[in-house]
Amino acid sequence: LLKARVDDAQRELEKSGSDPDPEVAGRAREILETLTPYRR
């Protein structure tokens, strides 16, 4: 669901990329990667 709304959730996901929970941080960074081709 977050991948589907990644454009609107970008800022929150960027903050979560450094979350102390490695599972949250890793998945947040994974989701943000789907934004890169679109941004380019």
PDB file of all heavy atoms in Angstrom:
ATOM      1  N   LEU A   1       0.821  -1.208   0.000  1.00  0.00           N
ATOM      2  CA  LEU A   1       0.000   0.000   0.000  1.00  0.00           C
ATOM      3  C   LEU A   1       0.857   1.260   0.000  1.00  0.00           C
ATOM      4  O   LEU A   1       0.508   2.261  -0.644  1.00  0.00           O
ATOM      5  CB  LEU A   1      -0.936  -0.009   1.219  1.00  0.00           C
ATOM      6  CG  LEU A   1      -2.060  -1.057   1.168  1.00  0.00           C
ATOM      7  CD1 LEU A   1      -2.786  -1.112   2.496  1.00  0.00           C
ATOM      8  CD2 LEU A   1      -3.033  -0.754   0.037  1.00  0.00           C
ATOM      9  N   LEU A   2       1.974   1.229   0.712  1.00  0.00           N
ATOM     10  CA  LEU A   2       2.851   2.402   0.730  1.00  0.00           C
ATOM     11  C   LEU A   2       3.534   2.609  -0.619  1.00  0.00           C
ATOM     12  O   LEU A   2       3.768   3.743  -1.033  1.00  0.00           O
ATOM     13  CB  LEU A   2       3.893   2.265   1.843  1.00  0.00           C
ATOM     14  CG  LEU A   2       3.352   2.516   3.251  1.00  0.00           C
ATOM     15  CD1 LEU A   2       4.337   2.055   4.301  1.00  0.00           C
ATOM     16  CD2 LEU A   2       3.015   3.999   3.448  1.00  0.00           C
ATOM     17  N   LYS A   3       3.840   1.528  -1.326  1.00  0.00           N
ATOM     18  CA  LYS A   3       4.395   1.675  -2.676  1.00  0.00           C
ATOM     19  C   LYS A   3       3.383   2.346  -3.593  1.00  0.00           C
ATOM     20  O   LYS A   3       3.754   3.133  -4.472  1.00  0.00           O
ATOM     21  CB  LYS A   3       4.793   0.313  -3.231  1.00  0.00           C
ATOM     22  CG  LYS A   3       6.095  -0.236  -2.663  1.00  0.00           C
ATOM     23  CD  LYS A   3       6.455  -1.565  -3.294  1.00  0.00           C
ATOM     24  CE  LYS A   3       7.802  -2.075  -2.751  1.00  0.00           C
ATOM     25  NZ  LYS A   3       8.170  -3.374  -3.359  1.00  0.00           N
ATOM     26  N   ALA A   4       2.108   2.053  -3.386  1.00  0.00           N
ATOM     27  CA  ALA A   4       1.062   2.636  -4.225  1.00  0.00           C
ATOM     28  C   ALA A   4       0.885   4.130  -3.970  1.00  0.00           C
ATOM     29  O   ALA A   4       0.425   4.860  -4.856  1.00  0.00           O
ATOM     30  CB  ALA A   4      -0.262   1.911  -3.997  1.00  0.00           C
ATOM     31  N   ARG A   5       1.249   4.592  -2.764  1.00  0.00           N
ATOM     32  CA  ARG A   5       1.098   6.020  -2.450  1.00  0.00           C
ATOM     33  C   ARG A   5       2.448   6.679  -2.163  1.00  0.00           C
ATOM     34  O   ARG A   5       2.526   7.680  -1.450  1.00  0.00           O
ATOM     35  CB  ARG A   5       0.156   6.200  -1.256  1.00  0.00           C
ATOM     36  CG  ARG A   5       0.657   5.614   0.043  1.00  0.00           C
ATOM     37  CD  ARG A   5      -0.236   5.954   1.237  1.00  0.00           C
ATOM     38  NE  ARG A   5      -1.440   5.149   1.297  1.00  0.00           N
ATOM     39  CZ  ARG A   5      -2.250   5.135   2.357  1.00  0.00           C
ATOM     40  NH1 ARG A   5      -1.996   5.898   3.415  1.00  0.00           N
ATOM     41  NH2 ARG A   5      -3.337   4.369   2.372  1.00  0.00           N
ATOM     42  N   VAL A   6       3.520   6.119  -2.731  1.00  0.00           N
ATOM     43  CA  VAL A   6       4.872   6.563  -2.393  1.00  0.00           C
ATOM     44  C   VAL A   6       5.101   8.045  -2.691  1.00  0.00           C
ATOM     45  O   VAL A   6       5.835   8.723  -1.968  1.00  0.00           O
ATOM     46  CB  VAL A   6       5.927   5.690  -3.120  1.00  0.00           C
ATOM     47  CG1 VAL A   6       5.811   5.842  -4.621  1.00  0.00           C
ATOM     48  CG2 VAL A   6       7.329   6.017  -2.652  1.00  0.00           C
ATOM     49  N   ASP A   7       4.464   8.573  -3.749  1.00  0.00           N
ATOM     50  CA  ASP A   7       4.669   9.986  -4.076  1.00  0.00           C
ATOM     51  C   ASP A   7       4.196  10.896  -2.953  1.00  0.00           C
ATOM     52  O   ASP A   7       4.863  11.870  -2.606  1.00  0.00           O
ATOM     53  CB  ASP A   7       3.934  10.339  -5.368  1.00  0.00           C
ATOM     54  CG  ASP A   7       4.398   9.471  -6.522  1.00  0.00           C
ATOM     55  OD1 ASP A   7       5.616   9.332  -6.694  1.00  0.00           O
ATOM     56  OD2 ASP A   7       3.543   8.915  -7.221  1.00  0.00           O
ATOM     57  N   ASP A   8       3.039  10.588  -2.372  1.00  0.00           N
ATOM     58  CA  ASP A   8       2.490  11.419  -1.306  1.00  0.00           C
ATOM     59  C   ASP A   8       3.143  11.129   0.046  1.00  0.00           C
ATOM     60  O   ASP A   8       3.115  11.966   0.941  1.00  0.00           O
ATOM     61  CB  ASP A   8       0.977  11.198  -1.197  1.00  0.00           C
ATOM     62  CG  ASP A   8       0.244  11.653  -2.453  1.00  0.00           C
ATOM     63  OD1 ASP A   8       0.699  12.642  -3.064  1.00  0.00           O
ATOM     64  OD2 ASP A   8      -0.748  11.017  -2.828  1.00  0.00           O
ATOM     65  N   ALA A   9       3.705   9.927   0.183  1.00  0.00           N
ATOM     66  CA  ALA A   9       4.281   9.520   1.475  1.00  0.00           C
ATOM     67  C   ALA A   9       5.796   9.692   1.525  1.00  0.00           C
ATOM     68  O   ALA A   9       6.444   9.241   2.465  1.00  0.00           O
ATOM     69  CB  ALA A   9       3.933   8.057   1.748  1.00  0.00           C
ATOM     70  N   GLN A  10       6.354  10.372   0.544  1.00  0.00           N
ATOM     71  CA  GLN A  10       7.809  10.438   0.411  1.00  0.00           C
ATOM     72  C   GLN A  10       8.499  10.960   1.671  1.00  0.00           C
ATOM     73  O   GLN A  10       9.468  10.366   2.165  1.00  0.00           O
ATOM     74  CB  GLN A  10       8.180  11.314  -0.784  1.00  0.00           C
ATOM     75  CG  GLN A  10       9.683  11.440  -0.993  1.00  0.00           C
ATOM     76  CD  GLN A  10      10.018  12.366  -2.143  1.00  0.00           C
ATOM     77  OE1 GLN A  10       9.143  12.762  -2.912  1.00  0.00           O
ATOM     78  NE2 GLN A  10      11.280  12.724  -2.255  1.00  0.00           N
ATOM     79  N   ARG A  11       8.020  12.074   2.209  1.00  0.00           N
ATOM     80  CA  ARG A  11       8.715  12.681   3.359  1.00  0.00           C
ATOM     81  C   ARG A  11       8.681  11.768   4.576  1.00  0.00           C
ATOM     82  O   ARG A  11       9.690  11.595   5.275  1.00  0.00           O
ATOM     83  CB  ARG A  11       8.092  14.029   3.689  1.00  0.00           C
ATOM     84  CG  ARG A  11       8.367  15.093   2.637  1.00  0.00           C
ATOM     85  CD  ARG A  11       7.821  16.443   3.036  1.00  0.00           C
ATOM     86  NE  ARG A  11       8.096  17.446   2.020  1.00  0.00           N
ATOM     87  CZ  ARG A  11       7.703  18.712   2.111  1.00  0.00           C
ATOM     88  NH1 ARG A  11       7.013  19.113   3.178  1.00  0.00           N
ATOM     89  NH2 ARG A  11       7.996  19.568   1.149  1.00  0.00           N
ATOM     90  N   GLU A  12       7.525  11.170   4.850  1.00  0.00           N
ATOM     91  CA  GLU A  12       7.415  10.278   6.008  1.00  0.00           C
ATOM     92  C   GLU A  12       8.310   9.061   5.840  1.00  0.00           C
ATOM     93  O   GLU A  12       8.944   8.609   6.797  1.00  0.00           O
ATOM     94  CB  GLU A  12       5.963   9.837   6.203  1.00  0.00           C
ATOM     95  CG  GLU A  12       5.008  10.954   6.607  1.00  0.00           C
ATOM     96  CD  GLU A  12       4.356  11.610   5.410  1.00  0.00           C
ATOM     97  OE1 GLU A  12       4.947  11.571   4.309  1.00  0.00           O
ATOM     98  OE2 GLU A  12       3.247  12.172   5.579  1.00  0.00           O
ATOM     99  N   LEU A  13       8.392   8.545   4.616  1.00  0.00           N
ATOM    100  CA  LEU A  13       9.220   7.375   4.365  1.00  0.00           C
ATOM    101  C   LEU A  13      10.705   7.713   4.487  1.00  0.00           C
ATOM    102  O   LEU A  13      11.504   6.903   4.966  1.00  0.00           O
ATOM    103  CB  LEU A  13       8.922   6.812   2.975  1.00  0.00           C
ATOM    104  CG  LEU A  13       7.580   6.083   2.841  1.00  0.00           C
ATOM    105  CD1 LEU A  13       7.214   5.895   1.373  1.00  0.00           C
ATOM    106  CD2 LEU A  13       7.639   4.728   3.552  1.00  0.00           C
ATOM    107  N   GLU A  14      11.083   8.905   4.051  1.00  0.00           N
ATOM    108  CA  GLU A  14      12.485   9.315   4.181  1.00  0.00           C
ATOM    109  C   GLU A  14      12.897   9.385   5.651  1.00  0.00           C
ATOM    110  O   GLU A  14      14.001   8.972   6.023  1.00  0.00           O
ATOM    111  CB  GLU A  14      12.706  10.658   3.490  1.00  0.00           C
ATOM    112  CG  GLU A  14      12.704  10.547   1.969  1.00  0.00           C
ATOM    113  CD  GLU A  14      12.775  11.898   1.288  1.00  0.00           C
ATOM    114  OE1 GLU A  14      12.531  12.923   1.970  1.00  0.00           O
ATOM    115  OE2 GLU A  14      13.051  11.941   0.067  1.00  0.00           O
ATOM    116  N   LYS A  15      12.000   9.889   6.492  1.00  0.00           N
ATOM    117  CA  LYS A  15      12.295   9.928   7.926  1.00  0.00           C
ATOM    118  C   LYS A  15      12.409   8.513   8.494  1.00  0.00           C
ATOM    119  O   LYS A  15      13.262   8.229   9.344  1.00  0.00           O
ATOM    120  CB  LYS A  15      11.199  10.704   8.667  1.00  0.00           C
ATOM    121  CG  LYS A  15      11.152  12.193   8.354  1.00  0.00           C
ATOM    122  CD  LYS A  15      10.000  12.855   9.088  1.00  0.00           C
ATOM    123  CE  LYS A  15       9.915  14.341   8.733  1.00  0.00           C
ATOM    124  NZ  LYS A  15       8.748  14.993   9.409  1.00  0.00           N
ATOM    125  N   SER A  16      11.558   7.634   8.001  1.00  0.00           N
ATOM    126  CA  SER A  16      11.545   6.263   8.515  1.00  0.00           C
ATOM    127  C   SER A  16      12.729   5.445   8.029  1.00  0.00           C
ATOM    128  O   SER A  16      12.993   4.358   8.555  1.00  0.00           O
ATOM    129  CB  SER A  16      10.246   5.564   8.105  1.00  0.00           C
ATOM    130  OG  SER A  16       9.122   6.252   8.626  1.00  0.00           O
ATOM    131  N   GLY A  17      13.447   5.958   7.036  1.00  0.00           N
ATOM    132  CA  GLY A  17      14.623   5.259   6.546  1.00  0.00           C
ATOM    133  C   GLY A  17      15.725   5.150   7.576  1.00  0.00           C
ATOM    134  O   GLY A  17      16.645   4.331   7.429  1.00  0.00           O
ATOM    135  N   SER A  18      15.635   5.943   8.640  1.00  0.00           N
ATOM    136  CA  SER A  18      16.622   5.863   9.729  1.00  0.00           C
ATOM    137  C   SER A  18      15.960   5.414  11.035  1.00  0.00           C
ATOM    138  O   SER A  18      16.465   5.677  12.124  1.00  0.00           O
ATOM    139  CB  SER A  18      17.302   7.224   9.924  1.00  0.00           C
ATOM    140  OG  SER A  18      16.336   8.244  10.166  1.00  0.00           O
ATOM    141  N   ASP A  19      14.815   4.742  10.906  1.00  0.00           N
ATOM    142  CA  ASP A  19      14.105   4.240  12.084  1.00  0.00           C
ATOM    143  C   ASP A  19      14.980   3.245  12.849  1.00  0.00           C
ATOM    144  O   ASP A  19      15.719   2.464  12.238  1.00  0.00           O
ATOM    145  CB  ASP A  19      12.804   3.556  11.644  1.00  0.00           C
ATOM    146  CG  ASP A  19      11.845   3.309  12.800  1.00  0.00           C
ATOM    147  OD1 ASP A  19      12.029   2.287  13.495  1.00  0.00           O
ATOM    148  OD2 ASP A  19      10.936   4.127  12.978  1.00  0.00           O
ATOM    149  N   PRO A  20      14.925   3.262  14.192  1.00  0.00           N
ATOM    150  CA  PRO A  20      15.732   2.301  14.970  1.00  0.00           C
ATOM    151  C   PRO A  20      15.354   0.841  14.718  1.00  0.00           C
ATOM    152  O   PRO A  20      16.165  -0.057  14.952  1.00  0.00           O
ATOM    153  CB  PRO A  20      15.467   2.707  16.425  1.00  0.00           C
ATOM    154  CG  PRO A  20      14.214   3.536  16.390  1.00  0.00           C
ATOM    155  CD  PRO A  20      14.238   4.221  15.065  1.00  0.00           C
ATOM    156  N   ASP A  21      14.116   0.605  14.269  1.00  0.00           N
ATOM    157  CA  ASP A  21      13.708  -0.750  13.924  1.00  0.00           C
ATOM    158  C   ASP A  21      14.245  -1.065  12.525  1.00  0.00           C
ATOM    159  O   ASP A  21      13.815  -0.453  11.539  1.00  0.00           O
ATOM    160  CB  ASP A  21      12.185  -0.863  13.930  1.00  0.00           C
ATOM    161  CG  ASP A  21      11.686  -2.291  13.668  1.00  0.00           C
ATOM    162  OD1 ASP A  21      12.420  -3.055  13.002  1.00  0.00           O
ATOM    163  OD2 ASP A  21      10.575  -2.614  14.101  1.00  0.00           O
ATOM    164  N   PRO A  22      15.192  -1.992  12.386  1.00  0.00           N
ATOM    165  CA  PRO A  22      15.785  -2.258  11.069  1.00  0.00           C
ATOM    166  C   PRO A  22      14.777  -2.737  10.036  1.00  0.00           C
ATOM    167  O   PRO A  22      14.960  -2.502   8.838  1.00  0.00           O
ATOM    168  CB  PRO A  22      16.837  -3.338  11.379  1.00  0.00           C
ATOM    169  CG  PRO A  22      16.412  -3.944  12.678  1.00  0.00           C
ATOM    170  CD  PRO A  22      15.756  -2.846  13.438  1.00  0.00           C
ATOM    171  N   GLU A  23      13.715  -3.402  10.477  1.00  0.00           N
ATOM    172  CA  GLU A  23      12.694  -3.865   9.538  1.00  0.00           C
ATOM    173  C   GLU A  23      11.960  -2.673   8.934  1.00  0.00           C
ATOM    174  O   GLU A  23      11.737  -2.614   7.718  1.00  0.00           O
ATOM    175  CB  GLU A  23      11.697  -4.786  10.244  1.00  0.00           C
ATOM    176  CG  GLU A  23      10.630  -5.390   9.342  1.00  0.00           C
ATOM    177  CD  GLU A  23      11.166  -6.471   8.418  1.00  0.00           C
ATOM    178  OE1 GLU A  23      12.200  -7.083   8.773  1.00  0.00           O
ATOM    179  OE2 GLU A  23      10.562  -6.695   7.356  1.00  0.00           O
ATOM    180  N   VAL A  24      11.577  -1.704   9.772  1.00  0.00           N
ATOM    181  CA  VAL A  24      10.898  -0.502   9.291  1.00  0.00           C
ATOM    182  C   VAL A  24      11.821   0.297   8.375  1.00  0.00           C
ATOM    183  O   VAL A  24      11.433   0.716   7.272  1.00  0.00           O
ATOM    184  CB  VAL A  24      10.421   0.371  10.464  1.00  0.00           C
ATOM    185  CG1 VAL A  24       9.874   1.705   9.954  1.00  0.00           C
ATOM    186  CG2 VAL A  24       9.356  -0.355  11.275  1.00  0.00           C
ATOM    187  N   ALA A  25      13.064   0.498   8.824  1.00  0.00           N
ATOM    188  CA  ALA A  25      14.020   1.285   8.038  1.00  0.00           C
ATOM    189  C   ALA A  25      14.297   0.640   6.687  1.00  0.00           C
ATOM    190  O   ALA A  25      14.311   1.316   5.650  1.00  0.00           O
ATOM    191  CB  ALA A  25      15.323   1.449   8.818  1.00  0.00           C
ATOM    192  N   GLY A  26      14.501  -0.661   6.687  1.00  0.00           N
ATOM    193  CA  GLY A  26      14.811  -1.348   5.438  1.00  0.00           C
ATOM    194  C   GLY A  26      13.664  -1.315   4.454  1.00  0.00           C
ATOM    195  O   GLY A  26      13.855  -1.080   3.256  1.00  0.00           O
ATOM    196  N   ARG A  27      12.447  -1.549   4.962  1.00  0.00           N
ATOM    197  CA  ARG A  27      11.291  -1.525   4.070  1.00  0.00           C
ATOM    198  C   ARG A  27      10.998  -0.110   3.571  1.00  0.00           C
ATOM    199  O   ARG A  27      10.574   0.077   2.428  1.00  0.00           O
ATOM    200  CB  ARG A  27      10.066  -2.114   4.766  1.00  0.00           C
ATOM    201  CG  ARG A  27      10.117  -3.643   4.880  1.00  0.00           C
ATOM    202  CD  ARG A  27       8.897  -4.208   5.588  1.00  0.00           C
ATOM    203  NE  ARG A  27       8.940  -5.655   5.626  1.00  0.00           N
ATOM    204  CZ  ARG A  27       8.379  -6.464   4.731  1.00  0.00           C
ATOM    205  NH1 ARG A  27       7.692  -5.929   3.730  1.00  0.00           N
ATOM    206  NH2 ARG A  27       8.467  -7.773   4.835  1.00  0.00           N
ATOM    207  N   ALA A  28      11.198   0.895   4.413  1.00  0.00           N
ATOM    208  CA  ALA A  28      10.989   2.279   3.980  1.00  0.00           C
ATOM    209  C   ALA A  28      11.936   2.636   2.841  1.00  0.00           C
ATOM    210  O   ALA A  28      11.534   3.253   1.841  1.00  0.00           O
ATOM    211  CB  ALA A  28      11.185   3.234   5.151  1.00  0.00           C
ATOM    212  N   ARG A  29      13.191   2.230   2.961  1.00  0.00           N
ATOM    213  CA  ARG A  29      14.160   2.510   1.897  1.00  0.00           C
ATOM    214  C   ARG A  29      13.808   1.736   0.622  1.00  0.00           C
ATOM    215  O   ARG A  29      13.952   2.249  -0.490  1.00  0.00           O
ATOM    216  CB  ARG A  29      15.576   2.163   2.366  1.00  0.00           C
ATOM    217  CG  ARG A  29      16.120   3.132   3.420  1.00  0.00           C
ATOM    218  CD  ARG A  29      17.600   2.952   3.620  1.00  0.00           C
ATOM    219  NE  ARG A  29      17.926   1.657   4.210  1.00  0.00           N
ATOM    220  CZ  ARG A  29      18.038   1.431   5.511  1.00  0.00           C
ATOM    221  NH1 ARG A  29      17.848   2.418   6.375  1.00  0.00           N
ATOM    222  NH2 ARG A  29      18.364   0.233   5.956  1.00  0.00           N
ATOM    223  N   GLU A  30      13.341   0.512   0.798  1.00  0.00           N
ATOM    224  CA  GLU A  30      12.922  -0.291  -0.363  1.00  0.00           C
ATOM    225  C   GLU A  30      11.771   0.386  -1.100  1.00  0.00           C
ATOM    226  O   GLU A  30      11.745   0.450  -2.338  1.00  0.00           O
ATOM    227  CB  GLU A  30      12.489  -1.685   0.108  1.00  0.00           C
ATOM    228  CG  GLU A  30      11.873  -2.551  -0.993  1.00  0.00           C
ATOM    229  CD  GLU A  30      11.139  -3.761  -0.437  1.00  0.00           C
ATOM    230  OE1 GLU A  30      11.418  -4.166   0.708  1.00  0.00           O
ATOM    231  OE2 GLU A  30      10.275  -4.294  -1.146  1.00  0.00           O
ATOM    232  N   ILE A  31      10.801   0.905  -0.352  1.00  0.00           N
ATOM    233  CA  ILE A  31       9.651   1.570  -0.966  1.00  0.00           C
ATOM    234  C   ILE A  31      10.095   2.831  -1.709  1.00  0.00           C
ATOM    235  O   ILE A  31       9.633   3.117  -2.816  1.00  0.00           O
ATOM    236  CB  ILE A  31       8.598   1.907   0.107  1.00  0.00           C
ATOM    237  CG1 ILE A  31       8.021   0.614   0.698  1.00  0.00           C
ATOM    238  CG2 ILE A  31       7.478   2.764  -0.467  1.00  0.00           C
ATOM    239  CD1 ILE A  31       7.271   0.803   1.995  1.00  0.00           C
ATOM    240  N   LEU A  32      11.013   3.587  -1.106  1.00  0.00           N
ATOM    241  CA  LEU A  32      11.479   4.822  -1.733  1.00  0.00           C
ATOM    242  C   LEU A  32      12.204   4.553  -3.049  1.00  0.00           C
ATOM    243  O   LEU A  32      12.204   5.401  -3.943  1.00  0.00           O
ATOM    244  CB  LEU A  32      12.406   5.582  -0.781  1.00  0.00           C
ATOM    245  CG  LEU A  32      11.706   6.350   0.339  1.00  0.00           C
ATOM    246  CD1 LEU A  32      12.712   6.822   1.370  1.00  0.00           C
ATOM    247  CD2 LEU A  32      10.929   7.541  -0.239  1.00  0.00           C
ATOM    248  N   GLU A  33      12.806   3.383  -3.184  1.00  0.00           N
ATOM    249  CA  GLU A  33      13.504   3.061  -4.422  1.00  0.00           C
ATOM    250  C   GLU A  33      12.546   3.012  -5.607  1.00  0.00           C
ATOM    251  O   GLU A  33      12.949   3.237  -6.749  1.00  0.00           O
ATOM    252  CB  GLU A  33      14.232   1.723  -4.281  1.00  0.00           C
ATOM    253  CG  GLU A  33      15.476   1.807  -3.414  1.00  0.00           C
ATOM    254  CD  GLU A  33      16.136   0.453  -3.228  1.00  0.00           C
ATOM    255  OE1 GLU A  33      15.610  -0.541  -3.778  1.00  0.00           O
ATOM    256  OE2 GLU A  33      17.161   0.387  -2.527  1.00  0.00           O
ATOM    257  N   THR A  34      11.274   2.718  -5.353  1.00  0.00           N
ATOM    258  CA  THR A  34      10.310   2.668  -6.453  1.00  0.00           C
ATOM    259  C   THR A  34      10.003   4.066  -6.975  1.00  0.00           C
ATOM    260  O   THR A  34       9.445   4.213  -8.068  1.00  0.00           O
ATOM    261  CB  THR A  34       8.991   2.003  -6.010  1.00  0.00           C
ATOM    262  OG1 THR A  34       8.328   2.834  -5.032  1.00  0.00           O
ATOM    263  CG2 THR A  34       9.248   0.636  -5.409  1.00  0.00           C
ATOM    264  N   LEU A  35      10.363   5.086  -6.212  1.00  0.00           N
ATOM    265  CA  LEU A  35      10.117   6.466  -6.621  1.00  0.00           C
ATOM    266  C   LEU A  35      11.193   6.970  -7.577  1.00  0.00           C
ATOM    267  O   LEU A  35      10.959   7.849  -8.393  1.00  0.00           O
ATOM    268  CB  LEU A  35      10.084   7.353  -5.375  1.00  0.00           C
ATOM    269  CG  LEU A  35       9.725   8.831  -5.512  1.00  0.00           C
ATOM    270  CD1 LEU A  35       8.292   8.970  -5.992  1.00  0.00           C
ATOM    271  CD2 LEU A  35       9.896   9.525  -4.173  1.00  0.00           C
ATOM    272  N   THR A  36      12.389   6.384  -7.519  1.00  0.00           N
ATOM    273  CA  THR A  36      13.532   6.924  -8.243  1.00  0.00           C
ATOM    274  C   THR A  36      13.319   7.026  -9.751  1.00  0.00           C
ATOM    275  O   THR A  36      13.558   8.092 -10.329  1.00  0.00           O
ATOM    276  CB  THR A  36      14.791   6.097  -7.938  1.00  0.00           C
ATOM    277  OG1 THR A  36      15.008   6.133  -6.527  1.00  0.00           O
ATOM    278  CG2 THR A  36      16.003   6.673  -8.636  1.00  0.00           C
ATOM    279  N   PRO A  37      12.872   5.982 -10.452  1.00  0.00           N
ATOM    280  CA  PRO A  37      12.674   6.128 -11.902  1.00  0.00           C
ATOM    281  C   PRO A  37      11.663   7.209 -12.256  1.00  0.00           C
ATOM    282  O   PRO A  37      11.844   7.937 -13.230  1.00  0.00           O
ATOM    283  CB  PRO A  37      12.177   4.734 -12.327  1.00  0.00           C
ATOM    284  CG  PRO A  37      12.665   3.824 -11.257  1.00  0.00           C
ATOM    285  CD  PRO A  37      12.600   4.618  -9.993  1.00  0.00           C
ATOM    286  N   TYR A  38      10.606   7.310 -11.466  1.00  0.00           N
ATOM    287  CA  TYR A  38       9.591   8.339 -11.716  1.00  0.00           C
ATOM    288  C   TYR A  38      10.188   9.742 -11.545  1.00  0.00           C
ATOM    289  O   TYR A  38       9.981  10.621 -12.386  1.00  0.00           O
ATOM    290  CB  TYR A  38       8.426   8.140 -10.756  1.00  0.00           C
ATOM    291  CG  TYR A  38       7.445   9.294 -10.740  1.00  0.00           C
ATOM    292  CD1 TYR A  38       6.625   9.539 -11.832  1.00  0.00           C
ATOM    293  CD2 TYR A  38       7.354  10.144  -9.640  1.00  0.00           C
ATOM    294  CE1 TYR A  38       5.733  10.593 -11.833  1.00  0.00           C
ATOM    295  CE2 TYR A  38       6.466  11.194  -9.625  1.00  0.00           C
ATOM    296  CZ  TYR A  38       5.657  11.425 -10.729  1.00  0.00           C
ATOM    297  OH  TYR A  38       4.790  12.477 -10.723  1.00  0.00           O
ATOM    298  N   ARG A  39      10.943   9.932 -10.467  1.00  0.00           N
ATOM    299  CA  ARG A  39      11.573  11.239 -10.243  1.00  0.00           C
ATOM    300  C   ARG A  39      12.529  11.584 -11.378  1.00  0.00           C
ATOM    301  O   ARG A  39      12.588  12.729 -11.840  1.00  0.00           O
ATOM    302  CB  ARG A  39      12.326  11.232  -8.914  1.00  0.00           C
ATOM    303  CG  ARG A  39      11.426  11.198  -7.688  1.00  0.00           C
ATOM    304  CD  ARG A  39      12.239  10.961  -6.437  1.00  0.00           C
ATOM    305  NE  ARG A  39      13.201  12.024  -6.210  1.00  0.00           N
ATOM    306  CZ  ARG A  39      13.143  12.903  -5.209  1.00  0.00           C
ATOM    307  NH1 ARG A  39      12.159  12.816  -4.337  1.00  0.00           N
ATOM    308  NH2 ARG A  39      14.032  13.835  -5.065  1.00  0.00           N
ATOM    309  N   ARG A  40      13.287  10.582 -11.849  1.00  0.00           N
ATOM    310  CA  ARG A  40      14.229  10.825 -12.940  1.00  0.00           C
ATOM    311  C   ARG A  40      13.486  11.240 -14.205  1.00  0.00           C
ATOM    312  O   ARG A  40      13.926  12.123 -14.942  1.00  0.00           O
ATOM    313  CB  ARG A  40      15.055   9.560 -13.175  1.00  0.00           C
ATOM    314  CG  ARG A  40      16.188   9.749 -14.176  1.00  0.00           C
ATOM    315  CD  ARG A  40      17.211   8.641 -14.093  1.00  0.00           C
ATOM    316  NE  ARG A  40      16.622   7.336 -14.274  1.00  0.00           N
ATOM    317  CZ  ARG A  40      16.746   6.340 -13.395  1.00  0.00           C
ATOM    318  NH1 ARG A  40      17.426   6.518 -12.277  1.00  0.00           N
ATOM    319  NH2 ARG A  40      16.194   5.161 -13.630  1.00  0.00           N
TER     320      ARG A  40
END
